[in-house]
Amino acid sequence: MERRDKVNYYLDLAEVVAQRSTCLRKHYGAVIVKNDEVISTGYVGAPRGRKNCSDIGRCIREEMKIPRGERYELCRSVHAEMNAIICAPRNEMLGASLYLAGVDARTGEYVEHTNSCSMCKRVIINAGIERVYIRDDKNQYRVIEVQSWVDEDESLNGKFGY
């Protein structure tokens, strides 16, 4: 049996973390790693003490027919990347990598062209995370140098990610 490469190993962990997501649309998991050590994990869910969409059985963004990548301020949830960052010490995030995996809550298929939203990108930049690995399928992924999000400031050109 061939040994799993490290990047996909951490993306597999992110995918398992995503199973805790409470969003009715997308399940995301994030894992922050530094020096080959898991620092923190996070998944999509409502803030502590508030009911999750899965608990109330409705998604406001879906009811309003808001497309993916738009109007995240209306979402009840805290995104996986933010939850992982909230739970990690700042000094451990400096120079770390974040691994992100997302699946469609209804189909179980990987989310196509997934990326961190513009709010999460800003938080990732401020956390000092250096690199983001995003799963495209079970074995394929993309690597994003966070500095590129600084250099290509989407808030200046109106091209926001999703």
C-alpha atoms as a PDB file:
ATOM      1  CA  MET A   1       0.000   0.000   0.000  1.00  0.00           C
ATOM      2  CA  GLU A   2       1.347   3.402  -0.969  1.00  0.00           C
ATOM      3  CA  ARG A   3       1.712   5.947   1.798  1.00  0.00           C
ATOM      4  CA  ARG A   4      -0.501   9.072   1.542  1.00  0.00           C
ATOM      5  CA  ASP A   5       1.427  12.277   0.792  1.00  0.00           C
ATOM      6  CA  LYS A   6       1.497  14.905   3.563  1.00  0.00           C
ATOM      7  CA  VAL A   7      -0.630  17.535   1.813  1.00  0.00           C
ATOM      8  CA  ASN A   8      -3.453  15.090   1.127  1.00  0.00           C
ATOM      9  CA  TYR A   9      -3.101  13.723   4.651  1.00  0.00           C
ATOM     10  CA  TYR A  10      -3.841  17.183   6.083  1.00  0.00           C
ATOM     11  CA  LEU A  11      -6.591  17.747   3.500  1.00  0.00           C
ATOM     12  CA  ASP A  12      -8.089  14.397   4.571  1.00  0.00           C
ATOM     13  CA  LEU A  13      -8.100  15.709   8.149  1.00  0.00           C
ATOM     14  CA  ALA A  14      -9.842  18.895   6.961  1.00  0.00           C
ATOM     15  CA  GLU A  15     -12.436  16.769   5.196  1.00  0.00           C
ATOM     16  CA  VAL A  16     -13.108  14.805   8.391  1.00  0.00           C
ATOM     17  CA  VAL A  17     -13.387  18.077  10.349  1.00  0.00           C
ATOM     18  CA  ALA A  18     -15.944  19.263   7.748  1.00  0.00           C
ATOM     19  CA  GLN A  19     -18.249  16.444   8.880  1.00  0.00           C
ATOM     20  CA  ARG A  20     -19.005  18.560  11.970  1.00  0.00           C
ATOM     21  CA  SER A  21     -20.351  21.425   9.812  1.00  0.00           C
ATOM     22  CA  THR A  22     -23.918  22.502  10.441  1.00  0.00           C
ATOM     23  CA  CYS A  23     -24.510  24.471   7.223  1.00  0.00           C
ATOM     24  CA  LEU A  24     -27.319  23.157   5.023  1.00  0.00           C
ATOM     25  CA  ARG A  25     -25.466  24.137   1.831  1.00  0.00           C
ATOM     26  CA  LYS A  26     -21.738  23.450   2.185  1.00  0.00           C
ATOM     27  CA  HIS A  27     -19.582  21.571   4.671  1.00  0.00           C
ATOM     28  CA  TYR A  28     -16.075  22.983   5.063  1.00  0.00           C
ATOM     29  CA  GLY A  29     -13.245  21.951   7.314  1.00  0.00           C
ATOM     30  CA  ALA A  30      -9.985  23.791   7.935  1.00  0.00           C
ATOM     31  CA  VAL A  31      -6.771  22.606   9.556  1.00  0.00           C
ATOM     32  CA  ILE A  32      -3.878  24.893  10.478  1.00  0.00           C
ATOM     33  CA  VAL A  33      -0.458  23.228  10.451  1.00  0.00           C
ATOM     34  CA  LYS A  34       2.966  24.547  11.393  1.00  0.00           C
ATOM     35  CA  ASN A  35       6.207  22.582  11.432  1.00  0.00           C
ATOM     36  CA  ASP A  36       4.290  19.404  10.650  1.00  0.00           C
ATOM     37  CA  GLU A  37       2.095  19.817  13.736  1.00  0.00           C
ATOM     38  CA  VAL A  38      -1.666  20.433  13.754  1.00  0.00           C
ATOM     39  CA  ILE A  39      -2.252  23.735  15.534  1.00  0.00           C
ATOM     40  CA  SER A  40      -6.013  24.092  15.174  1.00  0.00           C
ATOM     41  CA  THR A  41      -9.110  22.929  13.330  1.00  0.00           C
ATOM     42  CA  GLY A  42     -12.376  24.610  12.413  1.00  0.00           C
ATOM     43  CA  TYR A  43     -15.649  23.860  10.670  1.00  0.00           C
ATOM     44  CA  VAL A  44     -18.705  25.841   9.564  1.00  0.00           C
ATOM     45  CA  GLY A  45     -21.205  26.494  12.343  1.00  0.00           C
ATOM     46  CA  ALA A  46     -23.195  29.163  14.136  1.00  0.00           C
ATOM     47  CA  PRO A  47     -21.499  31.145  16.914  1.00  0.00           C
ATOM     48  CA  ARG A  48     -21.501  29.469  20.322  1.00  0.00           C
ATOM     49  CA  GLY A  49     -24.915  29.585  21.946  1.00  0.00           C
ATOM     50  CA  ARG A  50     -26.813  30.336  18.729  1.00  0.00           C
ATOM     51  CA  LYS A  51     -28.829  27.734  16.876  1.00  0.00           C
ATOM     52  CA  ASN A  52     -27.258  26.221  13.784  1.00  0.00           C
ATOM     53  CA  CYS A  53     -29.024  26.166  10.432  1.00  0.00           C
ATOM     54  CA  SER A  54     -29.185  22.377  10.743  1.00  0.00           C
ATOM     55  CA  ASP A  55     -31.033  22.856  14.085  1.00  0.00           C
ATOM     56  CA  ILE A  56     -33.601  25.324  12.763  1.00  0.00           C
ATOM     57  CA  GLY A  57     -33.908  23.606   9.393  1.00  0.00           C
ATOM     58  CA  ARG A  58     -33.507  26.697   7.255  1.00  0.00           C
ATOM     59  CA  CYS A  59     -30.896  28.778   5.495  1.00  0.00           C
ATOM     60  CA  ILE A  60     -31.654  32.471   5.145  1.00  0.00           C
ATOM     61  CA  ARG A  61     -29.277  32.884   2.197  1.00  0.00           C
ATOM     62  CA  GLU A  62     -30.938  29.981   0.396  1.00  0.00           C
ATOM     63  CA  GLU A  63     -34.435  31.340   1.102  1.00  0.00           C
ATOM     64  CA  MET A  64     -33.339  34.686  -0.359  1.00  0.00           C
ATOM     65  CA  LYS A  65     -31.800  32.862  -3.359  1.00  0.00           C
ATOM     66  CA  ILE A  66     -28.411  34.453  -2.757  1.00  0.00           C
ATOM     67  CA  PRO A  67     -25.788  32.825  -4.986  1.00  0.00           C
ATOM     68  CA  ARG A  68     -22.580  31.308  -3.714  1.00  0.00           C
ATOM     69  CA  GLY A  69     -19.917  33.920  -3.045  1.00  0.00           C
ATOM     70  CA  GLU A  70     -22.302  36.758  -2.222  1.00  0.00           C
ATOM     71  CA  ARG A  71     -23.745  38.400   0.895  1.00  0.00           C
ATOM     72  CA  TYR A  72     -21.913  36.312   3.484  1.00  0.00           C
ATOM     73  CA  GLU A  73     -22.846  38.858   6.141  1.00  0.00           C
ATOM     74  CA  LEU A  74     -26.340  37.301   6.090  1.00  0.00           C
ATOM     75  CA  CYS A  75     -25.002  33.827   6.888  1.00  0.00           C
ATOM     76  CA  ARG A  76     -25.618  32.531  10.428  1.00  0.00           C
ATOM     77  CA  SER A  77     -22.355  30.606  10.430  1.00  0.00           C
ATOM     78  CA  VAL A  78     -18.751  31.324  11.231  1.00  0.00           C
ATOM     79  CA  HIS A  79     -16.627  29.913   8.398  1.00  0.00           C
ATOM     80  CA  ALA A  80     -14.223  27.027   8.914  1.00  0.00           C
ATOM     81  CA  GLU A  81     -11.121  29.162   8.329  1.00  0.00           C
ATOM     82  CA  MET A  82     -12.245  31.746  10.898  1.00  0.00           C
ATOM     83  CA  ASN A  83     -13.113  29.084  13.479  1.00  0.00           C
ATOM     84  CA  ALA A  84      -9.671  27.487  13.068  1.00  0.00           C
ATOM     85  CA  ILE A  85      -7.973  30.888  13.439  1.00  0.00           C
ATOM     86  CA  ILE A  86     -10.068  31.840  16.478  1.00  0.00           C
ATOM     87  CA  CYS A  87      -8.910  28.655  18.231  1.00  0.00           C
ATOM     88  CA  ALA A  88      -5.193  29.027  17.424  1.00  0.00           C
ATOM     89  CA  PRO A  89      -2.527  31.076  19.206  1.00  0.00           C
ATOM     90  CA  ARG A  90      -1.245  33.930  17.003  1.00  0.00           C
ATOM     91  CA  ASN A  91       2.432  32.993  17.389  1.00  0.00           C
ATOM     92  CA  GLU A  92       1.651  29.486  16.114  1.00  0.00           C
ATOM     93  CA  MET A  93      -0.070  30.822  12.983  1.00  0.00           C
ATOM     94  CA  LEU A  94       2.828  32.986  11.812  1.00  0.00           C
ATOM     95  CA  GLY A  95       4.253  31.165   8.791  1.00  0.00           C
ATOM     96  CA  ALA A  96       1.744  28.298   9.100  1.00  0.00           C
ATOM     97  CA  SER A  97      -0.317  26.620   6.379  1.00  0.00           C
ATOM     98  CA  LEU A  98      -4.084  26.259   6.265  1.00  0.00           C
ATOM     99  CA  TYR A  99      -5.687  23.205   4.621  1.00  0.00           C
ATOM    100  CA  LEU A 100      -9.264  23.642   3.373  1.00  0.00           C
ATOM    101  CA  ALA A 101     -11.715  21.003   2.146  1.00  0.00           C
ATOM    102  CA  GLY A 102     -15.337  21.577   1.167  1.00  0.00           C
ATOM    103  CA  VAL A 103     -18.174  19.291   0.132  1.00  0.00           C
ATOM    104  CA  ASP A 104     -21.718  20.001  -0.963  1.00  0.00           C
ATOM    105  CA  ALA A 105     -24.016  19.155   1.954  1.00  0.00           C
ATOM    106  CA  ARG A 106     -26.648  17.572  -0.300  1.00  0.00           C
ATOM    107  CA  THR A 107     -24.562  15.657  -2.834  1.00  0.00           C
ATOM    108  CA  GLY A 108     -21.339  14.953  -0.928  1.00  0.00           C
ATOM    109  CA  GLU A 109     -19.399  16.108  -4.012  1.00  0.00           C
ATOM    110  CA  TYR A 110     -16.377  18.344  -3.638  1.00  0.00           C
ATOM    111  CA  VAL A 111     -17.172  22.038  -4.042  1.00  0.00           C
ATOM    112  CA  GLU A 112     -15.891  23.136  -7.452  1.00  0.00           C
ATOM    113  CA  HIS A 113     -13.526  26.101  -7.620  1.00  0.00           C
ATOM    114  CA  THR A 114     -13.688  26.525  -3.870  1.00  0.00           C
ATOM    115  CA  ASN A 115     -11.749  29.340  -2.285  1.00  0.00           C
ATOM    116  CA  SER A 116     -11.851  31.353   0.906  1.00  0.00           C
ATOM    117  CA  CYS A 117     -14.372  34.193   0.842  1.00  0.00           C
ATOM    118  CA  SER A 118     -13.102  37.767   0.916  1.00  0.00           C
ATOM    119  CA  MET A 119     -13.729  38.058   4.685  1.00  0.00           C
ATOM    120  CA  CYS A 120     -11.805  34.850   5.421  1.00  0.00           C
ATOM    121  CA  LYS A 121      -8.977  35.961   3.144  1.00  0.00           C
ATOM    122  CA  ARG A 122      -8.563  39.127   5.221  1.00  0.00           C
ATOM    123  CA  VAL A 123      -8.530  37.117   8.455  1.00  0.00           C
ATOM    124  CA  ILE A 124      -6.019  34.611   7.024  1.00  0.00           C
ATOM    125  CA  ILE A 125      -3.758  37.477   5.923  1.00  0.00           C
ATOM    126  CA  ASN A 126      -3.907  39.095   9.375  1.00  0.00           C
ATOM    127  CA  ALA A 127      -3.271  35.778  11.141  1.00  0.00           C
ATOM    128  CA  GLY A 128       0.112  35.537   9.416  1.00  0.00           C
ATOM    129  CA  ILE A 129      -0.696  32.281   7.620  1.00  0.00           C
ATOM    130  CA  GLU A 130       1.659  31.852   4.655  1.00  0.00           C
ATOM    131  CA  ARG A 131       0.035  29.251   2.436  1.00  0.00           C
ATOM    132  CA  VAL A 132      -3.426  27.790   1.808  1.00  0.00           C
ATOM    133  CA  TYR A 133      -3.990  24.332   0.314  1.00  0.00           C
ATOM    134  CA  ILE A 134      -7.443  23.826  -1.190  1.00  0.00           C
ATOM    135  CA  ARG A 135      -8.820  20.403  -2.096  1.00  0.00           C
ATOM    136  CA  ASP A 136     -10.293  20.037  -5.591  1.00  0.00           C
ATOM    137  CA  ASP A 137     -10.894  16.272  -5.439  1.00  0.00           C
ATOM    138  CA  LYS A 138      -9.664  13.314  -3.396  1.00  0.00           C
ATOM    139  CA  ASN A 139      -6.086  13.646  -4.683  1.00  0.00           C
ATOM    140  CA  GLN A 140      -5.842  17.049  -6.392  1.00  0.00           C
ATOM    141  CA  TYR A 141      -5.388  20.390  -4.702  1.00  0.00           C
ATOM    142  CA  ARG A 142      -4.269  23.947  -5.306  1.00  0.00           C
ATOM    143  CA  VAL A 143      -1.637  25.865  -3.373  1.00  0.00           C
ATOM    144  CA  ILE A 144      -2.161  29.567  -2.782  1.00  0.00           C
ATOM    145  CA  GLU A 145       0.545  31.821  -1.447  1.00  0.00           C
ATOM    146  CA  VAL A 146      -1.284  34.212   0.880  1.00  0.00           C
ATOM    147  CA  GLN A 147       0.987  37.038  -0.263  1.00  0.00           C
ATOM    148  CA  SER A 148      -0.836  36.838  -3.627  1.00  0.00           C
ATOM    149  CA  TRP A 149      -4.046  37.876  -1.827  1.00  0.00           C
ATOM    150  CA  VAL A 150      -2.185  40.894  -0.485  1.00  0.00           C
ATOM    151  CA  ASP A 151      -0.670  41.757  -3.874  1.00  0.00           C
ATOM    152  CA  GLU A 152      -3.898  41.215  -5.826  1.00  0.00           C
ATOM    153  CA  ASP A 153      -6.140  43.167  -3.456  1.00  0.00           C
ATOM    154  CA  GLU A 154      -9.632  42.147  -4.586  1.00  0.00           C
ATOM    155  CA  SER A 155     -11.202  44.958  -2.559  1.00  0.00           C
ATOM    156  CA  LEU A 156      -9.693  47.383  -5.076  1.00  0.00           C
ATOM    157  CA  ASN A 157     -10.924  45.663  -8.221  1.00  0.00           C
ATOM    158  CA  GLY A 158     -14.305  44.294  -7.151  1.00  0.00           C
ATOM    159  CA  LYS A 159     -13.384  40.673  -7.999  1.00  0.00           C
ATOM    160  CA  PHE A 160     -14.260  38.842  -4.816  1.00  0.00           C
ATOM    161  CA  GLY A 161     -13.642  35.141  -4.249  1.00  0.00           C
ATOM    162  CA  TYR A 162     -16.010  32.539  -2.956  1.00  0.00           C
END
